[in-house]
Amino acid sequence: MWFIIGILVGALVLGLVWLMKRNNFSLAWYEWLIGAIGALMLLFTVQNYFGSLAEVEPKAASMFLLVVGLPGLVLLALAWQLAARRVKKA
């Protein structure tokens, strides 16, 4: 499963870089940083969610989704909005 997730994440990053080069668009360093932290938090959440379910701890799995997964999604949305608003200004 993690091999496939790694291939998907790599393909998504490659697609993002290719799209940015094609459209002459760049991200600021802080947008990259916020996006990377959000993505790592989401991957960490997925791993711990399935690990907790495998150990028959559904409450721990649900709490992990809430405590780590939600902030990861917020960080990804923040990075996206920062980039979108900067592009719209220019």
PDB file of N, CA and C in Angstrom:
ATOM      1  N   MET A   1       0.814  -1.188   0.000  1.00  0.00           N
ATOM      2  CA  MET A   1       0.000   0.000   0.000  1.00  0.00           C
ATOM      3  C   MET A   1       0.865   1.263   0.000  1.00  0.00           C
ATOM      4  N   TRP A   2       1.928   1.277   0.802  1.00  0.00           N
ATOM      5  CA  TRP A   2       2.749   2.483   0.889  1.00  0.00           C
ATOM      6  C   TRP A   2       3.551   2.720  -0.371  1.00  0.00           C
ATOM      7  N   PHE A   3       3.878   1.664  -1.082  1.00  0.00           N
ATOM      8  CA  PHE A   3       4.565   1.837  -2.360  1.00  0.00           C
ATOM      9  C   PHE A   3       3.671   2.571  -3.339  1.00  0.00           C
ATOM     10  N   ILE A   4       2.411   2.199  -3.393  1.00  0.00           N
ATOM     11  CA  ILE A   4       1.456   2.850  -4.298  1.00  0.00           C
ATOM     12  C   ILE A   4       1.219   4.292  -3.865  1.00  0.00           C
ATOM     13  N   ILE A   5       1.109   4.549  -2.565  1.00  0.00           N
ATOM     14  CA  ILE A   5       0.934   5.921  -2.078  1.00  0.00           C
ATOM     15  C   ILE A   5       2.158   6.762  -2.433  1.00  0.00           C
ATOM     16  N   GLY A   6       3.341   6.199  -2.311  1.00  0.00           N
ATOM     17  CA  GLY A   6       4.565   6.909  -2.693  1.00  0.00           C
ATOM     18  C   GLY A   6       4.591   7.250  -4.169  1.00  0.00           C
ATOM     19  N   ILE A   7       4.160   6.308  -5.001  1.00  0.00           N
ATOM     20  CA  ILE A   7       4.109   6.574  -6.442  1.00  0.00           C
ATOM     21  C   ILE A   7       3.091   7.678  -6.744  1.00  0.00           C
ATOM     22  N   LEU A   8       1.934   7.647  -6.086  1.00  0.00           N
ATOM     23  CA  LEU A   8       0.915   8.682  -6.297  1.00  0.00           C
ATOM     24  C   LEU A   8       1.397  10.056  -5.850  1.00  0.00           C
ATOM     25  N   VAL A   9       2.035  10.130  -4.696  1.00  0.00           N
ATOM     26  CA  VAL A   9       2.545  11.415  -4.207  1.00  0.00           C
ATOM     27  C   VAL A   9       3.631  11.935  -5.147  1.00  0.00           C
ATOM     28  N   GLY A  10       4.514  11.072  -5.586  1.00  0.00           N
ATOM     29  CA  GLY A  10       5.551  11.483  -6.535  1.00  0.00           C
ATOM     30  C   GLY A  10       4.967  11.975  -7.844  1.00  0.00           C
ATOM     31  N   ALA A  11       3.941  11.278  -8.343  1.00  0.00           N
ATOM     32  CA  ALA A  11       3.292  11.700  -9.591  1.00  0.00           C
ATOM     33  C   ALA A  11       2.585  13.045  -9.415  1.00  0.00           C
ATOM     34  N   LEU A  12       1.962  13.263  -8.261  1.00  0.00           N
ATOM     35  CA  LEU A  12       1.298  14.545  -8.006  1.00  0.00           C
ATOM     36  C   LEU A  12       2.296  15.698  -7.936  1.00  0.00           C
ATOM     37  N   VAL A  13       3.422  15.488  -7.272  1.00  0.00           N
ATOM     38  CA  VAL A  13       4.449  16.537  -7.199  1.00  0.00           C
ATOM     39  C   VAL A  13       5.037  16.793  -8.573  1.00  0.00           C
ATOM     40  N   LEU A  14       5.312  15.741  -9.327  1.00  0.00           N
ATOM     41  CA  LEU A  14       5.833  15.902 -10.681  1.00  0.00           C
ATOM     42  C   LEU A  14       4.839  16.644 -11.564  1.00  0.00           C
ATOM     43  N   GLY A  15       3.553  16.307 -11.445  1.00  0.00           N
ATOM     44  CA  GLY A  15       2.525  16.998 -12.214  1.00  0.00           C
ATOM     45  C   GLY A  15       2.419  18.463 -11.838  1.00  0.00           C
ATOM     46  N   LEU A  16       2.549  18.769 -10.550  1.00  0.00           N
ATOM     47  CA  LEU A  16       2.508  20.160 -10.098  1.00  0.00           C
ATOM     48  C   LEU A  16       3.675  20.954 -10.667  1.00  0.00           C
ATOM     49  N   VAL A  17       4.869  20.393 -10.594  1.00  0.00           N
ATOM     50  CA  VAL A  17       6.048  21.083 -11.126  1.00  0.00           C
ATOM     51  C   VAL A  17       5.924  21.256 -12.637  1.00  0.00           C
ATOM     52  N   TRP A  18       5.454  20.236 -13.336  1.00  0.00           N
ATOM     53  CA  TRP A  18       5.278  20.332 -14.788  1.00  0.00           C
ATOM     54  C   TRP A  18       4.260  21.407 -15.140  1.00  0.00           C
ATOM     55  N   LEU A  19       3.165  21.458 -14.420  1.00  0.00           N
ATOM     56  CA  LEU A  19       2.126  22.457 -14.659  1.00  0.00           C
ATOM     57  C   LEU A  19       2.634  23.870 -14.369  1.00  0.00           C
ATOM     58  N   MET A  20       3.422  24.003 -13.322  1.00  0.00           N
ATOM     59  CA  MET A  20       3.983  25.313 -13.001  1.00  0.00           C
ATOM     60  C   MET A  20       4.951  25.790 -14.074  1.00  0.00           C
ATOM     61  N   LYS A  21       5.771  24.898 -14.610  1.00  0.00           N
ATOM     62  CA  LYS A  21       6.699  25.278 -15.680  1.00  0.00           C
ATOM     63  C   LYS A  21       5.953  25.635 -16.955  1.00  0.00           C
ATOM     64  N   ARG A  22       4.903  24.894 -17.255  1.00  0.00           N
ATOM     65  CA  ARG A  22       4.143  25.133 -18.478  1.00  0.00           C
ATOM     66  C   ARG A  22       3.443  26.491 -18.441  1.00  0.00           C
ATOM     67  N   ASN A  23       2.955  26.881 -17.270  1.00  0.00           N
ATOM     68  CA  ASN A  23       2.215  28.129 -17.140  1.00  0.00           C
ATOM     69  C   ASN A  23       3.067  29.289 -16.629  1.00  0.00           C
ATOM     70  N   ASN A  24       4.389  29.115 -16.557  1.00  0.00           N
ATOM     71  CA  ASN A  24       5.301  30.136 -16.043  1.00  0.00           C
ATOM     72  C   ASN A  24       4.828  30.676 -14.695  1.00  0.00           C
ATOM     73  N   PHE A  25       4.612  29.781 -13.784  1.00  0.00           N
ATOM     74  CA  PHE A  25       4.096  30.092 -12.460  1.00  0.00           C
ATOM     75  C   PHE A  25       5.072  29.558 -11.425  1.00  0.00           C
ATOM     76  N   SER A  26       5.231  30.283 -10.332  1.00  0.00           N
ATOM     77  CA  SER A  26       6.113  29.794  -9.273  1.00  0.00           C
ATOM     78  C   SER A  26       5.445  29.993  -7.921  1.00  0.00           C
ATOM     79  N   LEU A  27       5.835  29.168  -6.975  1.00  0.00           N
ATOM     80  CA  LEU A  27       5.339  29.273  -5.609  1.00  0.00           C
ATOM     81  C   LEU A  27       6.407  29.907  -4.744  1.00  0.00           C
ATOM     82  N   ALA A  28       5.973  30.686  -3.772  1.00  0.00           N
ATOM     83  CA  ALA A  28       6.906  31.259  -2.812  1.00  0.00           C
ATOM     84  C   ALA A  28       7.379  30.157  -1.869  1.00  0.00           C
ATOM     85  N   TRP A  29       8.497  30.396  -1.203  1.00  0.00           N
ATOM     86  CA  TRP A  29       9.067  29.362  -0.330  1.00  0.00           C
ATOM     87  C   TRP A  29       8.116  28.975   0.788  1.00  0.00           C
ATOM     88  N   TYR A  30       7.388  29.941   1.326  1.00  0.00           N
ATOM     89  CA  TYR A  30       6.489  29.635   2.431  1.00  0.00           C
ATOM     90  C   TYR A  30       5.271  28.843   1.954  1.00  0.00           C
ATOM     91  N   GLU A  31       4.867  29.006   0.706  1.00  0.00           N
ATOM     92  CA  GLU A  31       3.775  28.191   0.165  1.00  0.00           C
ATOM     93  C   GLU A  31       4.209  26.744   0.012  1.00  0.00           C
ATOM     94  N   TRP A  32       5.449  26.542  -0.438  1.00  0.00           N
ATOM     95  CA  TRP A  32       5.998  25.188  -0.519  1.00  0.00           C
ATOM     96  C   TRP A  32       6.071  24.564   0.871  1.00  0.00           C
ATOM     97  N   LEU A  33       6.549  25.342   1.841  1.00  0.00           N
ATOM     98  CA  LEU A  33       6.726  24.827   3.197  1.00  0.00           C
ATOM     99  C   LEU A  33       5.385  24.458   3.837  1.00  0.00           C
ATOM    100  N   ILE A  34       4.410  25.348   3.733  1.00  0.00           N
ATOM    101  CA  ILE A  34       3.092  25.076   4.310  1.00  0.00           C
ATOM    102  C   ILE A  34       2.453  23.865   3.630  1.00  0.00           C
ATOM    103  N   GLY A  35       2.564  23.783   2.311  1.00  0.00           N
ATOM    104  CA  GLY A  35       2.012  22.641   1.585  1.00  0.00           C
ATOM    105  C   GLY A  35       2.692  21.333   1.945  1.00  0.00           C
ATOM    106  N   ALA A  36       4.010  21.363   2.088  1.00  0.00           N
ATOM    107  CA  ALA A  36       4.747  20.141   2.436  1.00  0.00           C
ATOM    108  C   ALA A  36       4.395  19.669   3.843  1.00  0.00           C
ATOM    109  N   ILE A  37       4.285  20.591   4.785  1.00  0.00           N
ATOM    110  CA  ILE A  37       3.916  20.213   6.151  1.00  0.00           C
ATOM    111  C   ILE A  37       2.501  19.645   6.175  1.00  0.00           C
ATOM    112  N   GLY A  38       1.588  20.267   5.436  1.00  0.00           N
ATOM    113  CA  GLY A  38       0.213  19.756   5.371  1.00  0.00           C
ATOM    114  C   GLY A  38       0.148  18.368   4.756  1.00  0.00           C
ATOM    115  N   ALA A  39       0.905  18.153   3.684  1.00  0.00           N
ATOM    116  CA  ALA A  39       0.912  16.838   3.036  1.00  0.00           C
ATOM    117  C   ALA A  39       1.513  15.774   3.951  1.00  0.00           C
ATOM    118  N   LEU A  40       2.596  16.116   4.642  1.00  0.00           N
ATOM    119  CA  LEU A  40       3.201  15.160   5.575  1.00  0.00           C
ATOM    120  C   LEU A  40       2.250  14.829   6.726  1.00  0.00           C
ATOM    121  N   MET A  41       1.528  15.828   7.201  1.00  0.00           N
ATOM    122  CA  MET A  41       0.559  15.568   8.269  1.00  0.00           C
ATOM    123  C   MET A  41      -0.550  14.638   7.778  1.00  0.00           C
ATOM    124  N   LEU A  42      -0.989  14.820   6.530  1.00  0.00           N
ATOM    125  CA  LEU A  42      -2.029  13.940   5.999  1.00  0.00           C
ATOM    126  C   LEU A  42      -1.523  12.512   5.817  1.00  0.00           C
ATOM    127  N   LEU A  43      -0.313  12.360   5.317  1.00  0.00           N
ATOM    128  CA  LEU A  43       0.246  11.013   5.170  1.00  0.00           C
ATOM    129  C   LEU A  43       0.423  10.351   6.544  1.00  0.00           C
ATOM    130  N   PHE A  44       0.865  11.112   7.523  1.00  0.00           N
ATOM    131  CA  PHE A  44       1.008  10.615   8.890  1.00  0.00           C
ATOM    132  C   PHE A  44      -0.347  10.193   9.446  1.00  0.00           C
ATOM    133  N   THR A  45      -1.372  10.968   9.136  1.00  0.00           N
ATOM    134  CA  THR A  45      -2.724  10.657   9.590  1.00  0.00           C
ATOM    135  C   THR A  45      -3.228   9.358   8.974  1.00  0.00           C
ATOM    136  N   VAL A  46      -3.021   9.199   7.677  1.00  0.00           N
ATOM    137  CA  VAL A  46      -3.482   7.978   7.002  1.00  0.00           C
ATOM    138  C   VAL A  46      -2.800   6.754   7.606  1.00  0.00           C
ATOM    139  N   GLN A  47      -1.488   6.844   7.817  1.00  0.00           N
ATOM    140  CA  GLN A  47      -0.753   5.712   8.370  1.00  0.00           C
ATOM    141  C   GLN A  47      -1.258   5.359   9.763  1.00  0.00           C
ATOM    142  N   ASN A  48      -1.433   6.348  10.617  1.00  0.00           N
ATOM    143  CA  ASN A  48      -1.877   6.069  11.984  1.00  0.00           C
ATOM    144  C   ASN A  48      -3.341   5.677  12.050  1.00  0.00           C
ATOM    145  N   TYR A  49      -4.152   6.189  11.142  1.00  0.00           N
ATOM    146  CA  TYR A  49      -5.561   5.802  11.108  1.00  0.00           C
ATOM    147  C   TYR A  49      -5.695   4.309  10.828  1.00  0.00           C
ATOM    148  N   PHE A  50      -5.041   3.843   9.759  1.00  0.00           N
ATOM    149  CA  PHE A  50      -5.136   2.429   9.419  1.00  0.00           C
ATOM    150  C   PHE A  50      -4.424   1.548  10.452  1.00  0.00           C
ATOM    151  N   GLY A  51      -3.347   2.050  11.047  1.00  0.00           N
ATOM    152  CA  GLY A  51      -2.674   1.306  12.101  1.00  0.00           C
ATOM    153  C   GLY A  51      -3.555   1.134  13.327  1.00  0.00           C
ATOM    154  N   SER A  52      -4.260   2.190  13.701  1.00  0.00           N
ATOM    155  CA  SER A  52      -5.159   2.102  14.861  1.00  0.00           C
ATOM    156  C   SER A  52      -6.341   1.190  14.578  1.00  0.00           C
ATOM    157  N   LEU A  53      -6.855   1.232  13.361  1.00  0.00           N
ATOM    158  CA  LEU A  53      -7.949   0.322  13.014  1.00  0.00           C
ATOM    159  C   LEU A  53      -7.476  -1.129  13.007  1.00  0.00           C
ATOM    160  N   ALA A  54      -6.251  -1.373  12.563  1.00  0.00           N
ATOM    161  CA  ALA A  54      -5.717  -2.731  12.553  1.00  0.00           C
ATOM    162  C   ALA A  54      -5.543  -3.265  13.978  1.00  0.00           C
ATOM    163  N   GLU A  55      -5.292  -2.377  14.918  1.00  0.00           N
ATOM    164  CA  GLU A  55      -5.146  -2.778  16.318  1.00  0.00           C
ATOM    165  C   GLU A  55      -6.481  -2.716  17.062  1.00  0.00           C
ATOM    166  N   VAL A  56      -7.562  -2.567  16.325  1.00  0.00           N
ATOM    167  CA  VAL A  56      -8.918  -2.531  16.866  1.00  0.00           C
ATOM    168  C   VAL A  56      -9.058  -1.421  17.919  1.00  0.00           C
ATOM    169  N   GLU A  57      -8.645  -0.239  17.529  1.00  0.00           N
ATOM    170  CA  GLU A  57      -8.789   0.957  18.363  1.00  0.00           C
ATOM    171  C   GLU A  57      -9.496   2.045  17.556  1.00  0.00           C
ATOM    172  N   PRO A  58     -10.799   1.893  17.305  1.00  0.00           N
ATOM    173  CA  PRO A  58     -11.500   2.854  16.445  1.00  0.00           C
ATOM    174  C   PRO A  58     -11.586   4.267  17.031  1.00  0.00           C
ATOM    175  N   LYS A  59     -11.645   4.383  18.347  1.00  0.00           N
ATOM    176  CA  LYS A  59     -11.708   5.726  18.943  1.00  0.00           C
ATOM    177  C   LYS A  59     -10.390   6.464  18.749  1.00  0.00           C
ATOM    178  N   ALA A  60      -9.283   5.773  18.904  1.00  0.00           N
ATOM    179  CA  ALA A  60      -7.976   6.389  18.676  1.00  0.00           C
ATOM    180  C   ALA A  60      -7.829   6.797  17.212  1.00  0.00           C
ATOM    181  N   ALA A  61      -8.330   5.964  16.314  1.00  0.00           N
ATOM    182  CA  ALA A  61      -8.259   6.293  14.889  1.00  0.00           C
ATOM    183  C   ALA A  61      -9.059   7.547  14.586  1.00  0.00           C
ATOM    184  N   SER A  62     -10.249   7.632  15.157  1.00  0.00           N
ATOM    185  CA  SER A  62     -11.095   8.808  14.924  1.00  0.00           C
ATOM    186  C   SER A  62     -10.478  10.068  15.518  1.00  0.00           C
ATOM    187  N   MET A  63      -9.920   9.954  16.690  1.00  0.00           N
ATOM    188  CA  MET A  63      -9.291  11.118  17.322  1.00  0.00           C
ATOM    189  C   MET A  63      -8.073  11.580  16.526  1.00  0.00           C
ATOM    190  N   PHE A  64      -7.332  10.626  15.968  1.00  0.00           N
ATOM    191  CA  PHE A  64      -6.167  11.011  15.172  1.00  0.00           C
ATOM    192  C   PHE A  64      -6.596  11.751  13.916  1.00  0.00           C
ATOM    193  N   LEU A  65      -7.710  11.312  13.308  1.00  0.00           N
ATOM    194  CA  LEU A  65      -8.228  12.043  12.149  1.00  0.00           C
ATOM    195  C   LEU A  65      -8.545  13.478  12.517  1.00  0.00           C
ATOM    196  N   LEU A  66      -9.130  13.672  13.674  1.00  0.00           N
ATOM    197  CA  LEU A  66      -9.536  15.000  14.103  1.00  0.00           C
ATOM    198  C   LEU A  66      -8.345  15.860  14.518  1.00  0.00           C
ATOM    199  N   VAL A  67      -7.431  15.294  15.291  1.00  0.00           N
ATOM    200  CA  VAL A  67      -6.347  16.076  15.882  1.00  0.00           C
ATOM    201  C   VAL A  67      -5.229  16.384  14.887  1.00  0.00           C
ATOM    202  N   VAL A  68      -4.893  15.473  14.005  1.00  0.00           N
ATOM    203  CA  VAL A  68      -3.782  15.684  13.073  1.00  0.00           C
ATOM    204  C   VAL A  68      -4.273  15.857  11.635  1.00  0.00           C
ATOM    205  N   GLY A  69      -5.315  15.137  11.253  1.00  0.00           N
ATOM    206  CA  GLY A  69      -5.798  15.204   9.876  1.00  0.00           C
ATOM    207  C   GLY A  69      -6.435  16.530   9.527  1.00  0.00           C
ATOM    208  N   LEU A  70      -7.249  17.049  10.411  1.00  0.00           N
ATOM    209  CA  LEU A  70      -7.918  18.320  10.153  1.00  0.00           C
ATOM    210  C   LEU A  70      -6.930  19.481  10.017  1.00  0.00           C
ATOM    211  N   PRO A  71      -5.947  19.631  10.917  1.00  0.00           N
ATOM    212  CA  PRO A  71      -4.956  20.686  10.699  1.00  0.00           C
ATOM    213  C   PRO A  71      -4.145  20.496   9.405  1.00  0.00           C
ATOM    214  N   GLY A  72      -3.903  19.246   9.008  1.00  0.00           N
ATOM    215  CA  GLY A  72      -3.214  19.000   7.742  1.00  0.00           C
ATOM    216  C   GLY A  72      -4.018  19.509   6.559  1.00  0.00           C
ATOM    217  N   LEU A  73      -5.317  19.254   6.584  1.00  0.00           N
ATOM    218  CA  LEU A  73      -6.186  19.770   5.519  1.00  0.00           C
ATOM    219  C   LEU A  73      -6.246  21.292   5.531  1.00  0.00           C
ATOM    220  N   VAL A  74      -6.269  21.876   6.716  1.00  0.00           N
ATOM    221  CA  VAL A  74      -6.291  23.342   6.819  1.00  0.00           C
ATOM    222  C   VAL A  74      -5.008  23.931   6.243  1.00  0.00           C
ATOM    223  N   LEU A  75      -3.871  23.328   6.528  1.00  0.00           N
ATOM    224  CA  LEU A  75      -2.604  23.825   5.985  1.00  0.00           C
ATOM    225  C   LEU A  75      -2.562  23.706   4.462  1.00  0.00           C
ATOM    226  N   LEU A  76      -3.052  22.609   3.923  1.00  0.00           N
ATOM    227  CA  LEU A  76      -3.085  22.472   2.467  1.00  0.00           C
ATOM    228  C   LEU A  76      -4.009  23.504   1.833  1.00  0.00           C
ATOM    229  N   ALA A  77      -5.161  23.738   2.443  1.00  0.00           N
ATOM    230  CA  ALA A  77      -6.080  24.752   1.923  1.00  0.00           C
ATOM    231  C   ALA A  77      -5.464  26.146   2.029  1.00  0.00           C
ATOM    232  N   LEU A  78      -4.742  26.414   3.096  1.00  0.00           N
ATOM    233  CA  LEU A  78      -4.073  27.703   3.261  1.00  0.00           C
ATOM    234  C   LEU A  78      -3.022  27.928   2.179  1.00  0.00           C
ATOM    235  N   ALA A  79      -2.204  26.914   1.903  1.00  0.00           N
ATOM    236  CA  ALA A  79      -1.188  27.035   0.860  1.00  0.00           C
ATOM    237  C   ALA A  79      -1.835  27.279  -0.496  1.00  0.00           C
ATOM    238  N   TRP A  80      -2.909  26.574  -0.773  1.00  0.00           N
ATOM    239  CA  TRP A  80      -3.611  26.743  -2.048  1.00  0.00           C
ATOM    240  C   TRP A  80      -4.192  28.153  -2.166  1.00  0.00           C
ATOM    241  N   GLN A  81      -4.815  28.644  -1.102  1.00  0.00           N
ATOM    242  CA  GLN A  81      -5.411  29.979  -1.145  1.00  0.00           C
ATOM    243  C   GLN A  81      -4.359  31.065  -1.257  1.00  0.00           C
ATOM    244  N   LEU A  82      -3.235  30.922  -0.579  1.00  0.00           N
ATOM    245  CA  LEU A  82      -2.155  31.900  -0.706  1.00  0.00           C
ATOM    246  C   LEU A  82      -1.668  31.994  -2.146  1.00  0.00           C
ATOM    247  N   ALA A  83      -1.470  30.840  -2.771  1.00  0.00           N
ATOM    248  CA  ALA A  83      -1.000  30.833  -4.157  1.00  0.00           C
ATOM    249  C   ALA A  83      -2.053  31.388  -5.093  1.00  0.00           C
ATOM    250  N   ALA A  84      -3.315  31.012  -4.891  1.00  0.00           N
ATOM    251  CA  ALA A  84      -4.378  31.465  -5.777  1.00  0.00           C
ATOM    252  C   ALA A  84      -4.572  32.979  -5.686  1.00  0.00           C
ATOM    253  N   ARG A  85      -4.532  33.514  -4.497  1.00  0.00           N
ATOM    254  CA  ARG A  85      -4.718  34.962  -4.339  1.00  0.00           C
ATOM    255  C   ARG A  85      -3.541  35.744  -4.887  1.00  0.00           C
ATOM    256  N   ARG A  86      -2.333  35.200  -4.756  1.00  0.00           N
ATOM    257  CA  ARG A  86      -1.152  35.894  -5.302  1.00  0.00           C
ATOM    258  C   ARG A  86      -1.208  35.910  -6.828  1.00  0.00           C
ATOM    259  N   VAL A  87      -1.669  34.838  -7.431  1.00  0.00           N
ATOM    260  CA  VAL A  87      -1.781  34.774  -8.891  1.00  0.00           C
ATOM    261  C   VAL A  87      -2.885  35.697  -9.371  1.00  0.00           C
ATOM    262  N   LYS A  88      -3.981  35.754  -8.631  1.00  0.00           N
ATOM    263  CA  LYS A  88      -5.111  36.605  -9.033  1.00  0.00           C
ATOM    264  C   LYS A  88      -4.734  38.085  -8.979  1.00  0.00           C
ATOM    265  N   LYS A  89      -3.862  38.465  -8.020  1.00  0.00           N
ATOM    266  CA  LYS A  89      -3.409  39.844  -7.897  1.00  0.00           C
ATOM    267  C   LYS A  89      -2.581  40.278  -9.092  1.00  0.00           C
ATOM    268  N   ALA A  90      -1.750  39.396  -9.571  1.00  0.00           N
ATOM    269  CA  ALA A  90      -0.800  39.735 -10.649  1.00  0.00           C
ATOM    270  C   ALA A  90      -1.429  39.813 -12.003  1.00  0.00           C
TER     271      ALA A  90
END
